[in-house]
């Protein structure tokens, strides 16, 4: 069991955190940091200064596009327990709430509550090379798809403009 849960709501340029103490359910005031390496290190420094052992904390964040990757990768370099949470879970919790207010401070607190109620454990593993392979393979797939669409469009144009082209040339993709 973790001594504290740190709920993190991540956006493109910033992230908001709320710290929940598991023993007496107290919450810290929400703090905002820039989504860069310097501020992630500042977050770790602020946690240490508050007297919390960060290795006994569960850092839990929504997996929002690729914005959470930078934060999670830095935290994993320090072997800190991290959990990536599906943002659908947070939105369902909002839907179940009586008050329909939504902002980053409330989101970070809800993330803490969800982690506490579900007794979540760390599930993030830094696999940067796998992310790079995923990116490269998806990019290749997109390029191949674009090439295929372009070839189909070229053939359609040739069929319209030069109906006898295919009977005159064996390879429609040749230099001619």
C-alpha atoms as a PDB file:
ATOM      1  CA  UNK A   1       0.000   0.000   0.000  1.00  0.00           C
ATOM      2  CA  UNK A   2       1.236   3.464  -0.858  1.00  0.00           C
ATOM      3  CA  UNK A   3       1.472   6.224   1.731  1.00  0.00           C
ATOM      4  CA  UNK A   4       0.299   8.858  -0.749  1.00  0.00           C
ATOM      5  CA  UNK A   5      -1.393   8.968  -4.131  1.00  0.00           C
ATOM      6  CA  UNK A   6      -0.390  11.745  -6.489  1.00  0.00           C
ATOM      7  CA  UNK A   7      -3.118  12.418  -9.036  1.00  0.00           C
ATOM      8  CA  UNK A   8      -1.850  14.118 -12.170  1.00  0.00           C
ATOM      9  CA  UNK A   9      -4.013  15.761 -14.810  1.00  0.00           C
ATOM     10  CA  UNK A  10      -1.819  16.343 -17.858  1.00  0.00           C
ATOM     11  CA  UNK A  11      -2.272  18.803 -20.695  1.00  0.00           C
ATOM     12  CA  UNK A  12      -0.013  19.786 -23.568  1.00  0.00           C
ATOM     13  CA  UNK A  13       1.954  22.489 -21.736  1.00  0.00           C
ATOM     14  CA  UNK A  14       1.201  21.858 -18.049  1.00  0.00           C
ATOM     15  CA  UNK A  15       0.108  19.332 -15.487  1.00  0.00           C
ATOM     16  CA  UNK A  16      -1.824  19.709 -12.241  1.00  0.00           C
ATOM     17  CA  UNK A  17      -1.226  17.528  -9.220  1.00  0.00           C
ATOM     18  CA  UNK A  18      -3.120  16.749  -6.048  1.00  0.00           C
ATOM     19  CA  UNK A  19      -1.598  14.622  -3.310  1.00  0.00           C
ATOM     20  CA  UNK A  20      -3.867  12.385  -1.254  1.00  0.00           C
ATOM     21  CA  UNK A  21      -2.696  10.984   2.062  1.00  0.00           C
ATOM     22  CA  UNK A  22      -3.972   7.408   2.323  1.00  0.00           C
ATOM     23  CA  UNK A  23      -3.941   7.269   6.119  1.00  0.00           C
ATOM     24  CA  UNK A  24      -6.301  10.166   6.838  1.00  0.00           C
ATOM     25  CA  UNK A  25      -7.703  11.069   3.399  1.00  0.00           C
ATOM     26  CA  UNK A  26      -6.298  14.606   3.434  1.00  0.00           C
ATOM     27  CA  UNK A  27      -5.658  16.355   0.157  1.00  0.00           C
ATOM     28  CA  UNK A  28      -3.011  18.887  -0.719  1.00  0.00           C
ATOM     29  CA  UNK A  29      -3.871  22.054  -2.542  1.00  0.00           C
ATOM     30  CA  UNK A  30      -3.658  21.520  -6.297  1.00  0.00           C
ATOM     31  CA  UNK A  31      -0.379  22.705  -7.820  1.00  0.00           C
ATOM     32  CA  UNK A  32       0.402  23.404 -11.458  1.00  0.00           C
ATOM     33  CA  UNK A  33       3.700  22.670 -13.193  1.00  0.00           C
ATOM     34  CA  UNK A  34       4.910  23.099 -16.755  1.00  0.00           C
ATOM     35  CA  UNK A  35       5.089  19.901 -18.750  1.00  0.00           C
ATOM     36  CA  UNK A  36       8.877  19.867 -19.098  1.00  0.00           C
ATOM     37  CA  UNK A  37      11.804  18.086 -17.485  1.00  0.00           C
ATOM     38  CA  UNK A  38      12.756  20.983 -15.185  1.00  0.00           C
ATOM     39  CA  UNK A  39       9.286  21.151 -13.636  1.00  0.00           C
ATOM     40  CA  UNK A  40       9.059  17.377 -13.216  1.00  0.00           C
ATOM     41  CA  UNK A  41      12.281  17.576 -11.207  1.00  0.00           C
ATOM     42  CA  UNK A  42      10.814  20.558  -9.318  1.00  0.00           C
ATOM     43  CA  UNK A  43       7.774  18.403  -8.498  1.00  0.00           C
ATOM     44  CA  UNK A  44      10.038  15.696  -7.048  1.00  0.00           C
ATOM     45  CA  UNK A  45      11.917  18.323  -5.057  1.00  0.00           C
ATOM     46  CA  UNK A  46       8.646  19.798  -3.721  1.00  0.00           C
ATOM     47  CA  UNK A  47       7.498  16.319  -2.653  1.00  0.00           C
ATOM     48  CA  UNK A  48      10.756  15.718  -0.773  1.00  0.00           C
ATOM     49  CA  UNK A  49      10.560  19.148   0.899  1.00  0.00           C
ATOM     50  CA  UNK A  50       7.063  18.370   2.155  1.00  0.00           C
ATOM     51  CA  UNK A  51       8.468  15.352   3.979  1.00  0.00           C
ATOM     52  CA  UNK A  52       6.920  12.710   1.732  1.00  0.00           C
ATOM     53  CA  UNK A  53       8.991   9.757   0.546  1.00  0.00           C
ATOM     54  CA  UNK A  54       8.292   9.786  -3.203  1.00  0.00           C
ATOM     55  CA  UNK A  55       9.195   6.116  -3.578  1.00  0.00           C
ATOM     56  CA  UNK A  56       6.190   5.265  -1.359  1.00  0.00           C
ATOM     57  CA  UNK A  57       3.834   7.351  -3.514  1.00  0.00           C
ATOM     58  CA  UNK A  58       1.780   6.152  -6.436  1.00  0.00           C
ATOM     59  CA  UNK A  59       1.943   8.630  -9.300  1.00  0.00           C
ATOM     60  CA  UNK A  60      -1.229   8.202 -11.320  1.00  0.00           C
ATOM     61  CA  UNK A  61      -2.065  10.106 -14.478  1.00  0.00           C
ATOM     62  CA  UNK A  62      -4.464  10.001 -17.357  1.00  0.00           C
ATOM     63  CA  UNK A  63      -2.953   8.762 -20.575  1.00  0.00           C
ATOM     64  CA  UNK A  64      -3.675  11.805 -22.702  1.00  0.00           C
ATOM     65  CA  UNK A  65      -2.364  11.502 -26.254  1.00  0.00           C
ATOM     66  CA  UNK A  66       1.427  11.508 -25.895  1.00  0.00           C
ATOM     67  CA  UNK A  67       1.622  14.367 -23.378  1.00  0.00           C
ATOM     68  CA  UNK A  68       1.912  12.049 -20.379  1.00  0.00           C
ATOM     69  CA  UNK A  69       4.850  10.121 -21.857  1.00  0.00           C
ATOM     70  CA  UNK A  70       7.455  12.769 -21.020  1.00  0.00           C
ATOM     71  CA  UNK A  71       6.385  12.931 -17.372  1.00  0.00           C
ATOM     72  CA  UNK A  72       6.076   9.160 -16.987  1.00  0.00           C
ATOM     73  CA  UNK A  73       9.437   8.492 -18.617  1.00  0.00           C
ATOM     74  CA  UNK A  74      11.206  10.936 -16.287  1.00  0.00           C
ATOM     75  CA  UNK A  75       9.483   9.501 -13.209  1.00  0.00           C
ATOM     76  CA  UNK A  76      10.358   5.963 -14.302  1.00  0.00           C
ATOM     77  CA  UNK A  77      14.038   6.927 -14.515  1.00  0.00           C
ATOM     78  CA  UNK A  78      13.818   7.365 -10.732  1.00  0.00           C
ATOM     79  CA  UNK A  79      12.085   3.958 -10.385  1.00  0.00           C
ATOM     80  CA  UNK A  80       8.926   5.578  -9.023  1.00  0.00           C
ATOM     81  CA  UNK A  81       5.617   3.673  -9.145  1.00  0.00           C
ATOM     82  CA  UNK A  82       3.447   5.061 -11.944  1.00  0.00           C
ATOM     83  CA  UNK A  83      -0.008   4.141 -13.185  1.00  0.00           C
ATOM     84  CA  UNK A  84      -1.479   5.233 -16.499  1.00  0.00           C
ATOM     85  CA  UNK A  85      -5.241   5.557 -16.254  1.00  0.00           C
ATOM     86  CA  UNK A  86      -7.692   5.605 -19.125  1.00  0.00           C
ATOM     87  CA  UNK A  87      -9.342   9.075 -19.314  1.00  0.00           C
ATOM     88  CA  UNK A  88     -12.719   7.413 -19.890  1.00  0.00           C
ATOM     89  CA  UNK A  89     -12.656   6.372 -16.229  1.00  0.00           C
ATOM     90  CA  UNK A  90     -12.279  10.002 -15.118  1.00  0.00           C
ATOM     91  CA  UNK A  91     -15.067  11.176 -17.398  1.00  0.00           C
ATOM     92  CA  UNK A  92     -17.393   8.454 -16.048  1.00  0.00           C
ATOM     93  CA  UNK A  93     -16.609   9.601 -12.507  1.00  0.00           C
ATOM     94  CA  UNK A  94     -17.497  13.161 -13.544  1.00  0.00           C
ATOM     95  CA  UNK A  95     -20.769  11.927 -14.998  1.00  0.00           C
ATOM     96  CA  UNK A  96     -21.614  10.215 -11.702  1.00  0.00           C
ATOM     97  CA  UNK A  97     -20.886  13.390  -9.728  1.00  0.00           C
ATOM     98  CA  UNK A  98     -23.668  15.641  -8.467  1.00  0.00           C
ATOM     99  CA  UNK A  99     -21.709  18.758  -9.364  1.00  0.00           C
ATOM    100  CA  UNK A 100     -20.901  18.915 -13.039  1.00  0.00           C
ATOM    101  CA  UNK A 101     -17.984  21.326 -12.639  1.00  0.00           C
ATOM    102  CA  UNK A 102     -14.840  20.246 -14.414  1.00  0.00           C
ATOM    103  CA  UNK A 103     -11.373  21.715 -14.259  1.00  0.00           C
ATOM    104  CA  UNK A 104      -7.829  20.442 -13.936  1.00  0.00           C
ATOM    105  CA  UNK A 105      -7.729  20.752 -10.125  1.00  0.00           C
ATOM    106  CA  UNK A 106     -10.921  18.720  -9.786  1.00  0.00           C
ATOM    107  CA  UNK A 107      -9.640  16.172 -12.304  1.00  0.00           C
ATOM    108  CA  UNK A 108      -6.408  15.606 -10.386  1.00  0.00           C
ATOM    109  CA  UNK A 109      -8.405  15.056  -7.189  1.00  0.00           C
ATOM    110  CA  UNK A 110     -10.775  12.639  -8.922  1.00  0.00           C
ATOM    111  CA  UNK A 111      -7.776  10.727 -10.249  1.00  0.00           C
ATOM    112  CA  UNK A 112      -6.558  10.366  -6.635  1.00  0.00           C
ATOM    113  CA  UNK A 113      -9.967   9.139  -5.498  1.00  0.00           C
ATOM    114  CA  UNK A 114     -10.275   6.608  -8.313  1.00  0.00           C
ATOM    115  CA  UNK A 115      -6.821   5.225  -7.556  1.00  0.00           C
ATOM    116  CA  UNK A 116      -7.657   4.968  -3.856  1.00  0.00           C
ATOM    117  CA  UNK A 117     -11.082   3.386  -4.332  1.00  0.00           C
ATOM    118  CA  UNK A 118      -9.805   0.850  -6.863  1.00  0.00           C
ATOM    119  CA  UNK A 119      -6.570   0.171  -4.970  1.00  0.00           C
ATOM    120  CA  UNK A 120      -4.599   0.725  -8.147  1.00  0.00           C
ATOM    121  CA  UNK A 121      -1.022  -0.432  -8.461  1.00  0.00           C
ATOM    122  CA  UNK A 122       1.834   0.746 -10.642  1.00  0.00           C
ATOM    123  CA  UNK A 123       1.491  -0.383 -14.260  1.00  0.00           C
ATOM    124  CA  UNK A 124       3.809   1.877 -16.273  1.00  0.00           C
ATOM    125  CA  UNK A 125       7.004   0.536 -17.724  1.00  0.00           C
ATOM    126  CA  UNK A 126       9.326   2.748 -19.684  1.00  0.00           C
ATOM    127  CA  UNK A 127       9.755   1.169 -23.039  1.00  0.00           C
ATOM    128  CA  UNK A 128      10.944   4.110 -25.114  1.00  0.00           C
ATOM    129  CA  UNK A 129      12.295   1.930 -27.899  1.00  0.00           C
ATOM    130  CA  UNK A 130       8.891   0.235 -28.222  1.00  0.00           C
ATOM    131  CA  UNK A 131       7.257   3.676 -28.532  1.00  0.00           C
ATOM    132  CA  UNK A 132       9.765   4.577 -31.244  1.00  0.00           C
ATOM    133  CA  UNK A 133       9.068   1.339 -33.096  1.00  0.00           C
ATOM    134  CA  UNK A 134       5.300   1.964 -32.817  1.00  0.00           C
ATOM    135  CA  UNK A 135       5.723   5.487 -34.172  1.00  0.00           C
ATOM    136  CA  UNK A 136       7.922   4.335 -37.054  1.00  0.00           C
ATOM    137  CA  UNK A 137       5.639   1.445 -38.016  1.00  0.00           C
ATOM    138  CA  UNK A 138       2.512   3.637 -37.889  1.00  0.00           C
ATOM    139  CA  UNK A 139       4.281   6.274 -39.985  1.00  0.00           C
ATOM    140  CA  UNK A 140       5.311   3.613 -42.532  1.00  0.00           C
ATOM    141  CA  UNK A 141       1.738   2.296 -42.650  1.00  0.00           C
ATOM    142  CA  UNK A 142       0.452   5.837 -43.325  1.00  0.00           C
ATOM    143  CA  UNK A 143       2.994   6.365 -46.092  1.00  0.00           C
ATOM    144  CA  UNK A 144       2.158   3.037 -47.750  1.00  0.00           C
ATOM    145  CA  UNK A 145      -1.561   3.891 -47.551  1.00  0.00           C
ATOM    146  CA  UNK A 146      -0.940   7.287 -49.157  1.00  0.00           C
ATOM    147  CA  UNK A 147       1.166   5.668 -51.896  1.00  0.00           C
ATOM    148  CA  UNK A 148      -1.611   3.156 -52.605  1.00  0.00           C
ATOM    149  CA  UNK A 149      -4.261   5.884 -52.812  1.00  0.00           C
ATOM    150  CA  UNK A 150      -2.021   7.920 -55.139  1.00  0.00           C
ATOM    151  CA  UNK A 151      -1.493   4.922 -57.444  1.00  0.00           C
ATOM    152  CA  UNK A 152      -5.256   4.328 -57.619  1.00  0.00           C
ATOM    153  CA  UNK A 153      -5.826   8.021 -58.431  1.00  0.00           C
ATOM    154  CA  UNK A 154      -3.100   7.886 -61.090  1.00  0.00           C
ATOM    155  CA  UNK A 155      -4.662   4.806 -62.692  1.00  0.00           C
ATOM    156  CA  UNK A 156      -8.089   6.470 -62.684  1.00  0.00           C
ATOM    157  CA  UNK A 157      -6.639   9.545 -64.393  1.00  0.00           C
ATOM    158  CA  UNK A 158      -4.806   7.426 -66.966  1.00  0.00           C
ATOM    159  CA  UNK A 159      -7.962   5.415 -67.690  1.00  0.00           C
ATOM    160  CA  UNK A 160      -9.840   8.649 -68.298  1.00  0.00           C
ATOM    161  CA  UNK A 161      -7.178  10.585 -70.248  1.00  0.00           C
ATOM    162  CA  UNK A 162      -5.356   7.758 -72.034  1.00  0.00           C
ATOM    163  CA  UNK A 163      -7.631   4.711 -72.265  1.00  0.00           C
ATOM    164  CA  UNK A 164      -5.060   2.649 -74.264  1.00  0.00           C
ATOM    165  CA  UNK A 165      -2.163   3.375 -71.856  1.00  0.00           C
ATOM    166  CA  UNK A 166      -2.322  -0.031 -70.122  1.00  0.00           C
ATOM    167  CA  UNK A 167      -2.234  -1.910 -73.428  1.00  0.00           C
ATOM    168  CA  UNK A 168       0.784   0.082 -74.660  1.00  0.00           C
ATOM    169  CA  UNK A 169       2.920  -0.125 -71.497  1.00  0.00           C
ATOM    170  CA  UNK A 170       3.422  -3.179 -69.321  1.00  0.00           C
ATOM    171  CA  UNK A 171       4.290  -1.194 -66.184  1.00  0.00           C
ATOM    172  CA  UNK A 172       2.110   1.770 -65.386  1.00  0.00           C
ATOM    173  CA  UNK A 173       4.616   3.032 -62.788  1.00  0.00           C
ATOM    174  CA  UNK A 174       7.537   3.336 -65.178  1.00  0.00           C
ATOM    175  CA  UNK A 175       9.437   6.524 -65.891  1.00  0.00           C
ATOM    176  CA  UNK A 176       7.573   7.168 -69.162  1.00  0.00           C
END
